[in-house]
Protein backbone atom coordinates (compact mmCIF):
# COMPACT_ATOMS: atom_id res chain seq x y z
CA MET A 1 156.46 188.10 146.31
CA LYS A 2 158.54 189.77 149.00
CA ALA A 3 159.77 193.31 149.55
CA ASN A 4 162.25 194.63 147.01
CA SER A 5 165.34 195.73 148.97
CA ASP A 6 166.86 197.48 145.93
CA ARG A 7 163.73 199.58 145.47
CA ILE A 8 163.61 200.38 149.18
CA GLU A 9 167.27 201.47 149.14
CA LYS A 10 166.69 203.64 146.07
CA HIS A 11 163.71 205.38 147.65
CA ILE A 12 165.73 206.07 150.81
CA HIS A 13 168.59 207.45 148.71
CA ASP A 14 166.30 209.60 146.57
CA LEU A 15 164.56 211.13 149.58
CA SER A 16 167.90 211.81 151.29
CA LYS A 17 168.75 214.24 148.49
CA TYR A 18 166.00 216.60 149.66
CA THR A 19 168.04 218.27 152.39
CA ALA A 20 169.11 221.81 153.25
CA THR A 21 172.54 220.50 154.29
CA PRO A 22 174.11 218.44 151.46
CA ASN A 23 176.91 216.17 152.64
CA GLN A 24 176.08 217.08 156.25
CA GLY A 25 173.18 214.77 156.97
CA VAL A 26 169.50 215.30 156.26
CA THR A 27 167.93 218.59 157.31
CA ARG A 28 164.32 218.60 156.13
CA LEU A 29 162.18 220.97 158.16
CA THR A 30 158.42 220.96 157.83
CA TYR A 31 157.03 223.13 154.98
CA SER A 32 160.53 223.95 153.72
CA LYS A 33 161.63 223.76 150.09
CA GLU A 34 163.04 220.33 150.89
CA ASP A 35 159.71 219.28 152.41
CA LEU A 36 157.97 220.24 149.18
CA GLN A 37 160.47 218.23 147.11
CA ALA A 38 160.05 215.18 149.35
CA ARG A 39 156.25 215.38 149.38
CA ASN A 40 156.13 215.61 145.58
CA PHE A 41 158.30 212.47 145.40
CA ILE A 42 156.07 210.63 147.91
CA LYS A 43 152.87 211.62 146.10
CA GLU A 44 154.34 210.55 142.75
CA LYS A 45 155.19 207.09 144.12
CA MET A 46 151.76 206.75 145.73
CA LYS A 47 150.12 207.41 142.38
CA GLU A 48 152.54 204.99 140.68
CA TYR A 49 151.34 202.27 143.07
CA GLY A 50 147.69 202.94 142.28
CA LEU A 51 146.74 205.01 145.31
CA ASP A 52 144.35 207.98 145.42
CA VAL A 53 146.33 210.84 146.96
CA ARG A 54 145.22 213.72 149.17
CA GLU A 55 146.68 216.08 151.76
CA ASP A 56 144.94 217.37 154.88
CA GLY A 57 144.97 220.80 156.50
CA LEU A 58 148.38 220.11 158.05
CA GLY A 59 150.01 218.70 154.95
CA ASN A 60 149.93 215.07 156.06
CA ILE A 61 149.87 212.92 152.90
CA PHE A 62 147.43 210.01 152.44
CA GLY A 63 147.49 207.48 149.60
CA LYS A 64 144.41 205.25 149.59
CA LEU A 65 143.72 201.87 148.01
CA GLU A 66 139.95 201.48 148.17
CA GLY A 67 138.50 198.30 149.62
CA SER A 68 135.57 196.26 148.45
CA LYS A 69 133.58 197.07 151.59
CA THR A 70 131.69 200.36 151.27
CA ASP A 71 132.51 203.10 153.79
CA ALA A 72 134.79 200.79 155.75
CA PRO A 73 137.58 202.07 158.04
CA SER A 74 141.14 202.03 156.69
CA VAL A 75 144.30 200.28 157.82
CA LEU A 76 146.95 203.03 157.92
CA VAL A 77 150.63 202.26 157.35
CA GLY A 78 153.39 204.87 157.53
CA SER A 79 155.49 207.29 159.54
CA HIS A 80 156.93 210.83 159.27
CA PHE A 81 159.22 212.43 156.68
CA ASP A 82 160.59 215.49 158.52
CA SER A 83 164.03 215.36 160.16
CA VAL A 84 166.10 216.85 162.92
CA PRO A 85 168.84 219.28 161.79
CA HIS A 86 171.77 217.31 160.35
CA GLY A 87 169.93 214.07 161.00
CA GLY A 88 169.98 210.74 159.19
CA ALA A 89 168.26 209.38 156.10
CA TYR A 90 166.31 206.62 157.89
CA ASP A 91 164.54 208.10 160.94
CA GLY A 92 160.88 208.34 159.95
CA THR A 93 161.67 208.18 156.25
CA GLY A 94 162.31 204.44 156.54
CA GLY A 95 158.76 204.00 157.80
CA VAL A 96 157.30 206.09 154.99
CA VAL A 97 159.26 204.07 152.40
CA ALA A 98 158.05 200.89 154.13
CA GLY A 99 154.48 202.06 153.62
CA LEU A 100 155.16 202.76 149.95
CA GLU A 101 156.66 199.28 149.57
CA VAL A 102 153.60 197.68 151.19
CA ALA A 103 151.46 199.50 148.60
CA ALA A 104 153.78 198.34 145.82
CA LEU A 105 153.39 194.73 147.00
CA PHE A 106 149.61 195.01 147.07
CA LYS A 107 149.73 196.27 143.47
CA GLU A 108 152.23 193.69 142.21
CA ASN A 109 150.32 190.83 143.84
CA ASN A 110 146.98 192.13 142.49
CA LEU A 111 145.49 192.15 145.98
CA THR A 112 142.03 193.53 146.58
CA PRO A 113 141.51 194.56 150.20
CA THR A 114 138.15 194.29 151.91
CA TYR A 115 139.04 197.19 154.17
CA PRO A 116 140.91 200.10 152.53
CA LEU A 117 144.68 200.38 152.81
CA GLU A 118 146.09 203.87 153.34
CA ILE A 119 149.74 204.86 153.28
CA ILE A 120 150.42 207.95 155.39
CA ALA A 121 153.41 210.30 155.44
CA MET A 122 153.24 212.72 158.35
CA ILE A 123 154.78 216.10 159.12
CA GLU A 124 156.62 217.59 162.12
CA GLU A 125 157.04 214.49 164.26
CA GLU A 126 160.43 215.76 165.41
CA GLY A 127 159.26 219.26 166.36
CA SER A 128 162.40 220.72 164.78
CA ARG A 129 160.62 223.72 163.27
CA PHE A 130 157.60 224.39 165.47
CA GLY A 131 158.52 222.65 168.74
CA GLY A 132 156.57 220.11 170.74
CA GLY A 133 156.70 217.35 168.15
CA LEU A 134 154.17 214.78 166.87
CA MET A 135 152.17 217.62 165.30
CA GLY A 136 151.02 215.66 162.26
CA SER A 137 149.59 212.72 164.17
CA ARG A 138 148.18 215.00 166.89
CA GLY A 139 146.34 216.92 164.19
CA VAL A 140 144.89 213.76 162.64
CA THR A 141 143.70 212.49 166.03
CA GLY A 142 142.31 215.85 167.15
CA THR A 143 144.60 216.50 170.11
CA THR A 144 145.58 219.90 168.72
CA ASP A 145 143.22 222.58 167.45
CA ALA A 146 143.18 225.27 164.77
CA ALA A 147 143.71 228.09 167.28
CA GLU A 148 146.85 226.44 168.63
CA LEU A 149 148.19 225.91 165.13
CA ASN A 150 147.61 229.52 164.16
CA GLN A 151 149.42 230.66 167.29
CA THR A 152 152.32 228.23 166.89
CA LYS A 153 155.28 229.91 165.21
CA ASP A 154 158.83 228.99 164.30
CA LYS A 155 161.94 230.85 165.49
CA ASP A 156 161.44 233.42 162.72
CA GLY A 157 157.86 234.18 163.77
CA VAL A 158 156.26 232.30 160.86
CA SER A 159 153.02 230.54 161.84
CA VAL A 160 152.03 227.03 160.76
CA ALA A 161 149.33 228.40 158.47
CA GLU A 162 151.71 230.91 156.85
CA ALA A 163 154.39 228.27 156.29
CA MET A 164 151.84 225.93 154.71
CA ARG A 165 150.67 228.58 152.27
CA ASP A 166 154.28 229.34 151.33
CA ILE A 167 154.60 225.89 149.71
CA GLY A 168 151.09 225.81 148.26
CA LEU A 169 149.26 223.84 150.96
CA ASP A 170 145.78 224.71 152.18
CA PRO A 171 145.55 225.10 155.97
CA THR A 172 141.74 225.44 155.79
CA LEU A 173 141.30 221.77 154.84
CA PRO A 174 140.15 219.38 157.59
CA LYS A 175 142.85 218.33 160.03
CA GLN A 176 141.17 215.99 162.49
CA ARG A 177 139.99 212.68 161.14
CA ASP A 178 136.97 210.77 162.40
CA PRO A 179 138.40 207.83 164.41
CA GLN A 180 135.65 205.65 162.95
CA THR A 181 137.46 205.86 159.59
CA ILE A 182 140.60 204.19 161.02
CA LYS A 183 140.68 200.44 161.64
CA ALA A 184 144.35 200.22 162.69
CA PHE A 185 147.70 201.96 162.37
CA LEU A 186 150.98 200.19 161.63
CA GLU A 187 154.42 201.81 161.82
CA MET A 188 157.94 200.60 161.16
CA HIS A 189 160.86 202.57 162.57
CA ILE A 190 164.58 202.16 162.95
CA GLU A 191 165.42 201.15 166.51
CA GLN A 192 167.69 204.17 167.20
CA GLY A 193 169.51 201.99 169.68
CA PRO A 194 171.96 199.04 169.72
CA ILE A 195 169.94 196.10 171.04
CA LEU A 196 168.75 194.40 167.83
CA GLU A 197 172.14 194.64 166.15
CA GLU A 198 174.01 193.40 169.23
CA LYS A 199 171.65 190.43 169.59
CA ASP A 200 171.61 189.77 165.81
CA ILE A 201 167.80 189.91 165.75
CA SER A 202 165.87 191.25 162.76
CA ILE A 203 162.69 192.71 164.27
CA GLY A 204 161.73 194.38 167.52
CA VAL A 205 158.01 193.98 168.22
CA VAL A 206 157.16 196.90 170.49
CA GLU A 207 155.02 196.26 173.56
CA SER A 208 154.98 199.78 175.03
CA ILE A 209 156.20 203.31 174.33
CA VAL A 210 157.78 205.59 176.90
CA GLY A 211 155.88 208.64 178.10
CA LEU A 212 157.38 212.00 177.27
CA THR A 213 156.93 215.69 177.84
CA GLN A 214 158.68 218.80 176.63
CA LEU A 215 158.96 221.94 178.73
CA GLU A 216 160.06 225.35 177.54
CA VAL A 217 161.75 227.34 180.29
CA THR A 218 162.27 231.11 180.09
CA ILE A 219 164.68 232.95 182.38
CA GLU A 220 164.68 236.76 182.31
CA GLY A 221 167.28 238.98 183.93
CA GLN A 222 168.79 242.28 182.85
CA ALA A 223 171.25 243.10 180.11
CA GLY A 224 174.38 245.06 181.01
CA HIS A 225 177.88 245.88 179.89
CA ALA A 226 180.29 242.98 180.35
CA GLY A 227 183.10 245.26 181.49
CA THR A 228 181.41 247.85 183.68
CA THR A 229 178.81 245.84 185.64
CA PRO A 230 180.22 244.46 188.93
CA MET A 231 179.70 240.75 189.53
CA ASP A 232 177.55 241.37 192.61
CA ARG A 233 175.21 243.69 190.65
CA ARG A 234 174.42 241.36 187.77
CA LEU A 235 171.11 239.74 186.83
CA ASP A 236 172.62 237.22 184.42
CA ALA A 237 169.93 235.02 182.83
CA LEU A 238 172.47 232.58 181.41
CA VAL A 239 174.21 231.94 184.72
CA THR A 240 170.80 231.34 186.31
CA ALA A 241 169.82 228.97 183.51
CA ALA A 242 173.10 227.09 183.92
CA ASP A 243 172.46 226.71 187.67
CA ILE A 244 169.00 225.29 186.95
CA ILE A 245 170.20 222.92 184.24
CA SER A 246 172.95 221.57 186.47
CA LYS A 247 170.34 220.37 188.98
CA LEU A 248 168.17 218.45 186.48
CA PRO A 249 170.22 215.23 186.05
CA ALA A 250 169.87 214.52 189.77
CA ILE A 251 166.07 214.65 189.45
CA ALA A 252 166.14 211.90 186.80
CA LYS A 253 168.54 209.78 188.85
CA ASP A 254 166.39 210.13 191.97
CA GLU A 255 163.26 209.05 190.07
CA GLY A 256 164.96 206.01 188.56
CA GLU A 257 162.91 203.49 186.54
CA GLY A 258 164.63 204.63 183.36
CA THR A 259 163.63 208.29 183.79
CA VAL A 260 165.78 210.61 181.68
CA ILE A 261 165.99 214.41 181.38
CA THR A 262 167.66 216.21 178.48
CA VAL A 263 168.26 219.90 177.80
CA GLY A 264 168.80 219.86 174.06
CA ARG A 265 168.12 223.42 172.89
CA HIS A 266 168.78 226.87 174.29
CA GLU A 267 168.64 230.42 172.99
CA VAL A 268 170.46 233.37 174.55
CA PHE A 269 169.40 236.99 174.12
CA PRO A 270 170.85 239.35 173.01
CA ASN A 271 173.65 236.82 172.40
CA GLY A 272 176.49 239.34 172.31
CA ALA A 273 180.04 238.51 173.41
CA ASN A 274 180.27 241.65 175.57
CA VAL A 275 176.67 241.81 176.83
CA ILE A 276 175.32 240.19 180.00
CA PRO A 277 172.53 237.84 178.83
CA GLU A 278 169.09 239.34 179.43
CA LYS A 279 167.00 236.28 178.57
CA VAL A 280 167.51 232.55 178.03
CA VAL A 281 164.96 230.09 176.66
CA PHE A 282 165.76 226.36 176.88
CA SER A 283 163.97 223.05 176.33
CA VAL A 284 163.64 220.24 178.84
CA ASP A 285 162.76 216.77 177.52
CA ILE A 286 161.56 214.35 180.22
CA ARG A 287 160.82 210.67 179.56
CA SER A 288 159.88 207.69 181.68
CA GLY A 289 158.23 204.32 181.27
CA LYS A 290 156.00 204.99 184.28
CA GLU A 291 153.66 207.95 184.39
CA GLU A 292 154.06 208.57 188.13
CA HIS A 293 157.80 209.08 187.70
CA MET A 294 157.30 211.35 184.72
CA ARG A 295 154.79 213.54 186.57
CA SER A 296 157.04 213.68 189.61
CA ALA A 297 160.04 214.70 187.47
CA ILE A 298 157.98 217.41 185.77
CA GLN A 299 156.90 218.89 189.11
CA LYS A 300 160.41 218.74 190.55
CA THR A 301 161.77 220.49 187.45
CA LYS A 302 159.14 223.23 187.76
CA ASP A 303 159.97 223.59 191.46
CA VAL A 304 163.67 224.02 190.70
CA VAL A 305 162.92 226.69 188.11
CA ALA A 306 160.53 228.52 190.45
CA SER A 307 163.12 228.52 193.25
CA PHE A 308 165.21 231.01 191.23
CA GLU A 309 162.35 233.50 190.93
CA GLY A 310 162.99 236.82 192.69
CA GLN A 311 165.61 239.51 193.24
CA GLY A 312 165.28 240.69 189.66
CA ILE A 313 165.17 237.24 188.01
CA HIS A 314 161.86 236.14 186.47
CA THR A 315 161.10 232.56 185.46
CA SER A 316 158.32 230.80 183.56
CA VAL A 317 157.63 227.28 182.29
CA GLU A 318 155.37 226.20 179.43
CA GLN A 319 154.48 222.61 178.59
CA PRO A 320 153.72 222.31 174.84
CA LEU A 321 153.67 218.50 174.81
CA TYR A 322 152.65 215.72 177.18
CA MET A 323 152.25 212.09 176.14
CA GLN A 324 151.64 209.43 178.77
CA PRO A 325 153.31 205.99 178.49
CA LYS A 326 151.38 203.72 176.13
CA ALA A 327 150.88 199.96 176.09
CA LEU A 328 150.29 198.80 172.53
CA ASN A 329 147.41 196.66 171.29
CA GLN A 330 147.97 193.02 172.20
CA ASP A 331 146.04 191.57 169.26
CA ILE A 332 148.18 193.42 166.71
CA HIS A 333 151.28 192.64 168.77
CA SER A 334 150.41 188.95 168.41
CA LEU A 335 149.68 189.40 164.70
CA LEU A 336 153.13 190.90 164.14
CA LYS A 337 154.81 188.06 166.04
CA THR A 338 152.85 185.53 163.98
CA ALA A 339 154.02 187.24 160.80
CA CYS A 340 157.65 186.97 161.99
CA ASN A 341 157.19 183.26 162.69
CA GLN A 342 155.53 182.61 159.32
CA LEU A 343 158.37 184.40 157.53
CA ASP A 344 161.06 182.76 159.68
CA ILE A 345 162.31 186.21 160.74
CA SER A 346 163.81 186.51 164.22
CA TYR A 347 162.14 188.92 166.62
CA LEU A 348 162.37 190.30 170.13
CA ASN A 349 159.73 191.90 172.34
CA MET A 350 160.84 195.45 173.13
CA ASN A 351 159.84 198.70 174.79
CA SER A 352 160.44 202.02 173.03
CA GLY A 353 162.44 204.74 174.76
CA ALA A 354 161.59 207.17 171.95
CA GLY A 355 158.24 208.73 171.16
CA HIS A 356 156.57 207.87 167.86
CA ASP A 357 153.41 208.80 165.95
CA ALA A 358 152.06 205.36 166.87
CA MET A 359 151.69 206.46 170.50
CA VAL A 360 149.38 209.29 169.41
CA PHE A 361 147.24 206.99 167.27
CA SER A 362 146.92 204.56 170.18
CA ASP A 363 144.35 206.91 171.73
CA VAL A 364 141.94 206.43 168.82
CA THR A 365 142.69 203.04 167.23
CA ASP A 366 144.58 199.76 167.51
CA ILE A 367 148.26 200.14 166.69
CA GLY A 368 151.32 198.05 165.95
CA LEU A 369 154.93 199.20 165.94
CA ILE A 370 158.05 197.32 164.89
CA PHE A 371 161.74 198.25 164.96
CA VAL A 372 164.53 197.26 162.58
CA PRO A 373 168.23 197.39 163.52
CA SER A 374 170.26 200.59 163.57
CA LYS A 375 173.98 200.35 162.77
CA ASP A 376 175.89 200.88 166.05
CA GLY A 377 172.67 202.21 167.56
CA ILE A 378 173.30 205.63 165.99
CA SER A 379 170.44 207.97 165.12
CA HIS A 380 169.77 211.71 164.71
CA SER A 381 173.15 211.87 162.99
CA PRO A 382 174.52 211.74 159.43
CA GLU A 383 176.03 208.35 160.38
CA GLU A 384 172.54 206.85 160.91
CA TRP A 385 172.23 203.71 158.75
CA THR A 386 170.09 200.59 158.39
CA ASP A 387 170.75 197.79 155.92
CA ALA A 388 168.15 197.62 153.14
CA ARG A 389 167.73 193.89 153.85
CA ASP A 390 166.67 194.70 157.39
CA LEU A 391 164.23 197.28 156.07
CA ALA A 392 162.88 194.66 153.65
CA ASN A 393 162.35 192.20 156.52
CA GLY A 394 160.36 194.85 158.33
CA VAL A 395 158.27 195.53 155.23
CA ASP A 396 157.51 191.82 154.83
CA VAL A 397 156.22 191.70 158.40
CA LEU A 398 154.09 194.83 157.87
CA TYR A 399 152.81 193.48 154.55
CA ASN A 400 151.65 190.22 156.13
CA ALA A 401 149.99 192.10 158.98
CA ALA A 402 148.36 194.59 156.58
CA LYS A 403 146.98 191.75 154.45
CA GLU A 404 145.42 190.21 157.55
CA LEU A 405 144.00 193.48 158.85
CA THR A 406 142.55 194.48 155.45
CA GLU A 407 141.51 190.86 154.76
CA ALA A 408 143.13 191.19 151.34
CA THR A 409 142.49 188.50 148.73
């Protein structure tokens, strides 16, 4: 029995309804009303497929099919279910639905795993509410601590713990998981790029994931009246920020090797049409396949920011996230390729230019990551789309790999 593409498509459609922006893409921020609706749907399906459901102290959802081997580590399959603002219905969610479909296939085929199978749906991979990103997987693997989470707040000053309590979650539950309880982690994700579609290939088997960091830059000047402050007497934080930002693309180009730098978010204070900006806060996303280039780009960015310090302008840089480039486990990589061959599904070895929860899990367990095609390579947009048949192909590959890793019979 193979993956049910109609069921997959229905689950994607149903989850897409839990959005704060109907008819304008999917906006599902962590711990929002829409998050609660989506998590209730996910938990209901987990129970329907015979899984024991629990949530941890971050609100990550786990659905477990016990194995015949006592106290054995689990094979985890899943992804994240938060979104960027006005994003698509498939980023992350497709991987969660893939995990649910793997569980459904285990149930329908009456499979009994030796090692437990766990489907996982994670929070705040995108960092859209609390910044940084990958918070759910970092919590599970212990690379973030309770103090940091209590101090982390959204743009409205609401902390992680407060937001959790608002939707009935318990932030005092354990967050970090003992790595000895995890045998492997498998993730399916849409490619978010054009290569698979252009080459008419069904599966991308990922060999490595790009390193990434996020910086938060603060520029402080002095507010003043837009009409009465002479140009040579201004301490304009926005003009300074613009000067800094204009220099960043050259850093990426000089580093080469696929290094990219993106300023994707900025806030201006007090944000009045007739007030000279007093403060600007903006994000800098830096990615590279080679760690030396990423570290060099980070230092050069910090140096550029620091060069504007003085004469009434104050600058600071924080680094809430740093993930080094990751090579994925070769044994699972081979297992995924074998599954493609057995199923007669075309595949291509690929590197990932986007960060994923799999890269966090790679520090504590063996991981496998596959991509399925994205229509026109579009992602983080309402136009994001992947054919349900492509999703089903990905599920079939994961299912075969999960059977092997759990030694299901």
